[in-house]
Every structure is written in structure tokens, then in C-alpha cells.
N, C-alpha and C. Protein backbone atom coordinates (compact mmCIF):
# COMPACT_ATOMS: atom_id res chain seq x y z
N MET A 1 13.82 19.44 -1.00
CA MET A 1 15.04 18.94 -1.55
C MET A 1 15.10 19.16 -3.43
N PHE A 2 13.85 18.91 -3.85
CA PHE A 2 14.07 18.80 -5.20
C PHE A 2 14.05 20.47 -5.78
N ASN A 3 13.67 21.27 -5.12
CA ASN A 3 14.02 22.59 -5.31
C ASN A 3 15.17 23.34 -5.04
N ASP A 4 15.84 22.94 -4.10
CA ASP A 4 17.31 23.15 -3.60
C ASP A 4 17.88 22.07 -2.88
N ASN A 5 18.69 21.52 -3.21
CA ASN A 5 19.65 20.46 -2.80
C ASN A 5 20.55 20.71 -1.73
N GLY A 6 20.42 21.75 -1.04
CA GLY A 6 21.47 22.53 0.16
C GLY A 6 22.69 23.20 -0.37
N GLN A 7 22.89 22.93 -1.82
CA GLN A 7 23.92 23.69 -2.58
C GLN A 7 23.28 24.67 -3.61
N GLY A 8 22.36 24.84 -3.53
CA GLY A 8 21.51 25.75 -4.47
C GLY A 8 21.25 25.16 -5.72
N ILE A 9 21.31 23.82 -5.88
CA ILE A 9 21.11 23.36 -7.52
C ILE A 9 19.38 22.78 -7.14
N LYS A 10 18.74 23.12 -8.34
CA LYS A 10 17.41 22.73 -8.43
C LYS A 10 17.42 21.59 -9.43
N GLY A 11 16.58 20.57 -8.90
CA GLY A 11 16.16 19.45 -9.65
C GLY A 11 17.11 18.34 -9.46
N ASP A 12 17.77 18.24 -8.50
CA ASP A 12 18.79 17.00 -7.96
C ASP A 12 17.97 15.98 -7.55
N LEU A 13 17.43 14.97 -8.47
CA LEU A 13 16.59 14.00 -7.97
C LEU A 13 17.54 12.90 -7.07
N ALA A 14 18.86 12.71 -7.21
CA ALA A 14 19.49 11.85 -6.53
C ALA A 14 19.57 12.39 -5.02
N ALA A 15 19.62 13.69 -4.64
CA ALA A 15 19.53 14.10 -3.43
C ALA A 15 17.94 14.12 -2.76
N THR A 16 16.95 14.13 -3.53
CA THR A 16 15.71 14.21 -3.27
C THR A 16 15.39 12.57 -2.66
N VAL A 17 16.00 11.74 -3.63
CA VAL A 17 15.53 10.19 -3.01
C VAL A 17 16.35 9.89 -1.69
N LYS A 18 17.64 10.44 -1.84
CA LYS A 18 18.52 10.10 -0.47
C LYS A 18 17.79 10.69 0.47
N SER A 19 17.29 11.90 0.11
CA SER A 19 16.78 12.67 1.42
C SER A 19 15.57 11.84 2.01
N ILE A 20 14.68 11.39 1.13
CA ILE A 20 13.51 10.48 1.49
C ILE A 20 13.82 9.33 2.38
N LEU A 21 14.85 8.32 1.45
CA LEU A 21 15.12 7.16 2.17
C LEU A 21 15.90 7.35 3.27
N LEU A 22 16.53 8.38 3.79
CA LEU A 22 17.34 8.61 4.82
C LEU A 22 16.48 9.60 6.14
N ASP A 23 15.50 9.73 5.61
CA ASP A 23 14.63 10.71 6.66
C ASP A 23 14.26 9.91 7.85
N PRO A 24 14.69 10.43 9.25
CA PRO A 24 14.40 9.54 10.41
C PRO A 24 12.83 9.02 10.52
N ALA A 25 12.15 9.78 10.17
CA ALA A 25 10.47 9.12 10.27
C ALA A 25 10.61 7.78 9.11
N ALA A 26 11.11 7.79 8.40
CA ALA A 26 10.98 6.45 7.33
C ALA A 26 11.86 5.48 7.63
N ALA A 27 13.02 5.73 8.55
CA ALA A 27 14.16 4.74 9.23
C ALA A 27 13.75 4.17 10.28
N SER A 28 12.82 5.01 11.15
CA SER A 28 12.49 4.53 12.48
C SER A 28 11.07 3.95 12.46
N CYS A 29 10.75 2.88 13.44
CA CYS A 29 9.48 2.18 13.79
C CYS A 29 8.87 2.82 14.79
N SER A 30 9.33 3.87 15.29
CA SER A 30 8.79 4.20 16.64
C SER A 30 6.91 4.86 16.31
N GLN A 31 6.74 5.22 15.07
CA GLN A 31 5.25 5.32 14.86
C GLN A 31 4.38 4.00 14.50
N SER A 32 4.87 2.92 14.98
CA SER A 32 4.07 1.64 14.61
C SER A 32 3.00 1.68 15.65
N ASN A 33 3.23 2.07 16.84
CA ASN A 33 1.81 2.14 17.68
C ASN A 33 0.80 3.01 17.74
N ASP A 34 1.33 4.06 16.61
CA ASP A 34 0.35 5.28 16.67
C ASP A 34 -0.59 4.56 15.52
N LEU A 35 -2.17 4.90 16.02
CA LEU A 35 -3.20 4.74 15.23
C LEU A 35 -3.52 5.61 13.96
N THR A 36 -2.85 6.68 14.01
CA THR A 36 -3.03 7.64 12.99
C THR A 36 -2.02 7.51 11.64
N PHE A 37 -0.88 6.67 12.12
CA PHE A 37 0.03 6.74 11.44
C PHE A 37 0.23 5.59 10.01
N GLY A 38 0.41 5.72 8.72
CA GLY A 38 0.43 4.73 7.77
C GLY A 38 -1.08 4.38 7.19
N MET A 39 -0.94 3.37 6.48
CA MET A 39 -2.06 3.08 5.92
C MET A 39 -2.07 1.47 5.39
N MET A 40 -3.07 0.82 5.15
CA MET A 40 -3.05 -0.68 4.86
C MET A 40 -3.19 -0.70 3.35
N ARG A 41 -2.49 -1.49 2.83
CA ARG A 41 -2.67 -1.74 1.31
C ARG A 41 -3.61 -2.84 0.92
N GLU A 42 -4.26 -2.37 -0.42
CA GLU A 42 -5.38 -3.08 -0.66
C GLU A 42 -4.86 -4.69 -0.74
N PRO A 43 -5.83 -5.69 -1.03
CA PRO A 43 -5.33 -6.88 -1.21
C PRO A 43 -4.23 -7.42 -2.43
N PHE A 44 -4.81 -6.89 -3.46
CA PHE A 44 -4.21 -7.17 -4.75
C PHE A 44 -2.68 -6.21 -4.57
N VAL A 45 -2.71 -5.17 -4.22
CA VAL A 45 -1.48 -4.52 -4.00
C VAL A 45 -0.44 -5.09 -3.41
N ARG A 46 -0.95 -5.73 -2.00
CA ARG A 46 -0.20 -6.49 -1.26
C ARG A 46 0.44 -7.87 -1.99
N TYR A 47 -0.58 -8.63 -2.86
CA TYR A 47 -0.11 -9.59 -3.45
C TYR A 47 1.26 -9.16 -4.62
N VAL A 48 0.85 -8.20 -5.21
CA VAL A 48 1.91 -7.75 -5.72
C VAL A 48 2.99 -7.34 -5.30
N HIS A 49 3.00 -6.47 -4.39
CA HIS A 49 4.43 -6.19 -3.70
C HIS A 49 5.04 -7.63 -3.08
N LEU A 50 4.42 -8.45 -2.73
CA LEU A 50 4.87 -9.82 -1.86
C LEU A 50 5.76 -10.52 -3.27
N SER A 51 5.06 -10.65 -4.47
CA SER A 51 5.48 -11.05 -5.57
C SER A 51 6.71 -10.44 -6.07
N LYS A 52 6.66 -9.48 -6.07
CA LYS A 52 8.02 -8.59 -6.41
C LYS A 52 9.01 -8.86 -5.40
N ALA A 53 8.90 -8.62 -4.01
CA ALA A 53 10.24 -8.71 -3.23
C ALA A 53 10.52 -10.15 -2.74
N LEU A 54 9.53 -11.08 -3.26
CA LEU A 54 10.28 -12.48 -3.52
C LEU A 54 10.75 -13.02 -4.60
N ASN A 55 10.46 -12.36 -5.55
CA ASN A 55 11.21 -12.21 -6.99
C ASN A 55 10.62 -13.53 -7.69
N LEU A 56 9.27 -14.03 -7.30
CA LEU A 56 8.51 -14.95 -7.80
C LEU A 56 8.41 -15.34 -9.37
N GLN A 57 8.89 -16.44 -9.91
CA GLN A 57 8.89 -16.71 -11.25
C GLN A 57 8.22 -18.01 -11.31
N SER A 58 7.86 -18.22 -12.69
CA SER A 58 7.28 -19.30 -13.12
C SER A 58 7.94 -20.59 -13.27
N SER A 59 7.88 -21.86 -12.64
CA SER A 59 8.78 -22.80 -12.60
C SER A 59 9.01 -23.51 -13.89
N SER A 60 7.98 -23.29 -14.69
CA SER A 60 8.14 -23.79 -16.08
C SER A 60 9.08 -22.87 -16.99
N GLY A 61 9.11 -21.61 -16.72
CA GLY A 61 9.67 -20.48 -17.48
C GLY A 61 8.83 -20.01 -18.50
N LYS A 62 7.38 -20.69 -18.54
CA LYS A 62 6.45 -19.82 -19.17
C LYS A 62 5.57 -19.13 -18.25
N HIS A 63 5.17 -18.07 -19.03
CA HIS A 63 4.14 -16.91 -18.06
C HIS A 63 2.84 -17.16 -18.65
N ARG A 64 2.08 -17.71 -18.06
CA ARG A 64 0.43 -17.81 -18.49
C ARG A 64 -0.27 -17.02 -17.44
N ASN A 65 -1.33 -16.30 -18.17
CA ASN A 65 -2.32 -15.48 -17.36
C ASN A 65 -3.38 -16.49 -16.45
N THR A 66 -2.68 -16.83 -15.23
CA THR A 66 -3.54 -17.45 -14.57
C THR A 66 -4.10 -16.59 -13.27
N MET A 67 -4.25 -15.40 -13.63
CA MET A 67 -4.51 -14.40 -12.46
C MET A 67 -6.10 -14.59 -11.89
N GLU A 68 -6.81 -15.09 -12.57
CA GLU A 68 -8.34 -15.33 -12.09
C GLU A 68 -8.28 -15.95 -10.65
N SER A 69 -7.49 -16.75 -10.56
CA SER A 69 -7.25 -17.57 -9.20
C SER A 69 -7.04 -16.53 -8.08
N VAL A 70 -5.97 -15.67 -8.40
CA VAL A 70 -5.70 -14.35 -7.49
C VAL A 70 -6.67 -13.47 -7.29
N TYR A 71 -7.47 -13.16 -8.42
CA TYR A 71 -8.25 -12.36 -8.13
C TYR A 71 -9.65 -13.00 -7.23
N LYS A 72 -9.77 -14.24 -7.51
CA LYS A 72 -10.59 -14.83 -6.54
C LYS A 72 -10.26 -15.01 -5.02
N ASP A 73 -9.01 -15.11 -4.78
CA ASP A 73 -8.56 -15.26 -3.67
C ASP A 73 -8.16 -13.74 -2.76
N VAL A 74 -8.16 -13.08 -3.27
CA VAL A 74 -8.01 -11.43 -2.94
C VAL A 74 -9.14 -10.56 -3.00
N GLU A 75 -10.31 -11.23 -3.55
CA GLU A 75 -11.77 -10.86 -3.83
C GLU A 75 -11.53 -9.21 -4.31
N GLN A 76 -10.65 -9.03 -5.25
CA GLN A 76 -10.43 -7.71 -5.79
C GLN A 76 -9.66 -7.87 -7.18
N LYS A 77 -10.05 -7.20 -8.31
CA LYS A 77 -9.70 -7.23 -9.41
C LYS A 77 -9.18 -5.85 -9.91
N PRO A 78 -7.90 -5.46 -10.16
CA PRO A 78 -7.66 -4.23 -10.77
C PRO A 78 -8.44 -3.73 -11.64
N MET A 79 -8.70 -2.41 -11.55
CA MET A 79 -9.37 -1.59 -12.64
C MET A 79 -11.07 -2.13 -12.79
N ASN A 80 -11.45 -2.65 -12.01
CA ASN A 80 -12.80 -3.30 -11.88
C ASN A 80 -13.72 -3.17 -10.67
N SER A 81 -13.08 -1.76 -9.82
CA SER A 81 -14.06 -1.63 -8.64
C SER A 81 -15.47 -1.28 -9.24
N PRO A 82 -16.39 -1.65 -8.30
CA PRO A 82 -17.95 -1.75 -8.40
C PRO A 82 -18.40 0.02 -8.38
N SER A 83 -17.59 1.01 -8.01
CA SER A 83 -17.88 2.08 -8.23
C SER A 83 -16.85 3.20 -8.33
N VAL A 84 -16.94 4.44 -8.51
CA VAL A 84 -15.96 5.41 -8.75
C VAL A 84 -15.15 5.61 -7.37
N PHE A 85 -15.88 5.15 -6.36
CA PHE A 85 -15.31 5.63 -4.96
C PHE A 85 -14.45 4.17 -4.78
N ASN A 86 -13.87 3.36 -5.52
CA ASN A 86 -13.09 2.28 -5.32
C ASN A 86 -13.77 1.10 -4.79
N PHE A 87 -13.31 0.07 -4.14
CA PHE A 87 -13.65 -0.93 -3.78
C PHE A 87 -14.49 -0.90 -2.27
N PHE A 88 -14.45 0.44 -1.48
CA PHE A 88 -14.98 0.68 -0.07
C PHE A 88 -15.67 1.95 -0.09
N GLN A 89 -16.38 2.14 1.10
CA GLN A 89 -17.07 3.43 1.30
C GLN A 89 -16.21 4.40 1.99
N GLN A 90 -16.06 5.46 1.74
CA GLN A 90 -15.43 6.50 2.40
C GLN A 90 -15.37 6.64 3.85
N PHE A 91 -16.43 6.30 4.49
CA PHE A 91 -16.59 6.76 6.07
C PHE A 91 -16.83 5.22 6.75
N TYR A 92 -16.14 4.40 6.21
CA TYR A 92 -16.24 3.03 6.72
C TYR A 92 -15.33 2.99 7.97
N GLN A 93 -15.62 2.68 9.30
CA GLN A 93 -14.96 2.54 10.50
C GLN A 93 -14.86 1.18 11.05
N PRO A 94 -13.90 0.48 11.00
CA PRO A 94 -13.87 -1.01 11.54
C PRO A 94 -13.88 -1.11 12.91
N ILE A 95 -14.46 -2.17 13.44
CA ILE A 95 -14.86 -2.11 14.97
C ILE A 95 -13.35 -2.00 15.73
N GLY A 96 -13.26 -1.48 17.08
CA GLY A 96 -11.95 -1.58 17.55
C GLY A 96 -11.34 -0.35 17.90
N PRO A 97 -10.03 -0.26 18.16
CA PRO A 97 -9.38 1.05 18.50
C PRO A 97 -9.51 2.22 17.50
N LEU A 98 -9.62 1.89 16.20
CA LEU A 98 -9.88 2.84 15.25
C LEU A 98 -11.23 3.64 15.41
N LYS A 99 -12.22 2.63 15.46
CA LYS A 99 -13.70 3.30 15.89
C LYS A 99 -13.85 4.19 17.26
N ASP A 100 -12.98 3.51 17.93
CA ASP A 100 -13.09 4.26 19.42
C ASP A 100 -12.55 5.32 19.38
N GLU A 101 -11.23 5.74 18.46
CA GLU A 101 -10.78 6.86 18.45
C GLU A 101 -11.71 7.84 17.31
N GLN A 102 -12.79 7.55 16.58
CA GLN A 102 -13.39 8.29 15.65
C GLN A 102 -12.48 8.44 14.44
N LEU A 103 -11.77 7.13 14.06
CA LEU A 103 -11.15 7.40 12.88
C LEU A 103 -11.59 6.63 11.60
N TYR A 104 -11.56 7.10 10.30
CA TYR A 104 -12.18 6.21 9.33
C TYR A 104 -10.84 5.42 8.71
N ALA A 105 -11.18 4.02 8.20
CA ALA A 105 -10.29 3.40 7.43
C ALA A 105 -11.10 2.76 6.32
N PRO A 106 -11.44 3.31 5.13
CA PRO A 106 -12.35 2.58 4.35
C PRO A 106 -11.51 1.30 3.69
N GLU A 107 -10.44 1.40 3.57
CA GLU A 107 -9.41 0.14 3.11
C GLU A 107 -9.84 -1.00 3.82
N PHE A 108 -10.03 -0.82 5.01
CA PHE A 108 -10.49 -2.19 6.03
C PHE A 108 -11.77 -2.83 5.59
N GLN A 109 -12.72 -2.08 4.86
CA GLN A 109 -14.00 -2.68 4.64
C GLN A 109 -14.10 -3.95 3.82
N ILE A 110 -12.85 -4.31 2.80
CA ILE A 110 -12.77 -4.93 1.80
C ILE A 110 -11.80 -6.18 2.70
N THR A 111 -11.44 -6.17 3.84
CA THR A 111 -10.69 -7.28 4.18
C THR A 111 -11.72 -8.08 5.23
N ASN A 112 -10.81 -9.57 5.14
CA ASN A 112 -11.42 -10.67 6.00
C ASN A 112 -10.31 -11.41 6.29
N SER A 113 -10.76 -12.30 7.00
CA SER A 113 -9.62 -13.58 7.18
C SER A 113 -8.58 -14.23 5.77
N GLN A 114 -9.50 -13.89 4.86
CA GLN A 114 -8.96 -14.64 3.63
C GLN A 114 -8.13 -13.53 2.88
N THR A 115 -8.65 -12.42 2.92
CA THR A 115 -7.70 -11.39 2.11
C THR A 115 -6.92 -10.69 2.86
């Protein structure tokens, strides 16, 4: 779509964004039962997305750096992964349907009931 918007125009960002948002696969929930579809977000990324979606703000109007409690709760600190392979091993298989299907899901390695 970015190379040709259907009218021979190259570089039409609006047409590209429209195409992505209106794509049937993006608008449908039919893939929700497919084990190979989608991916899980890391705990801190989920926290940031939730904060932005709910438009969370400080009740006092002052913004202080109190992220240490968040880092502790999600057990993850951005830009501080223990290795170059991020926070998880690439060949991790969680117990259950994914392992039964011989699928890998490294991002599940750092999840627990708290994160």
C-alpha cells in the first residue's frame, strides 16, 4: 500500500494506515483460538499500554519518579535485561497447549501470577 495506494501514488501514509486498520484480520477476532496467532506483551509493556489507555495521571499534579515499585511488581526493568537475549531464553516452552503443539513462547518464561 505504501508503494502504490491503488491510484499509482507512492508514499501515501494515510492510505497505508487506513489499510492496516481496516484489514479484515485486524478487525476480526476469529484468530483468538489459534495457538499460533498473536503474541504476549512483556509485563512492563502491558503496564505502559494500560496506563496510556486509561490516561492515568497523578492526583497531585506532580510527576515523581516512583517507578521502582512498578519495576518490582512486574519483575522487569526496561533497558536492564540480564543478557543480550532479553529477559527470557529463546527455546522456552510453557506447559500446556503450546508445548503439546511443540511451539515456543519465550515471553511466557518471565510470567507468573503476579506479573
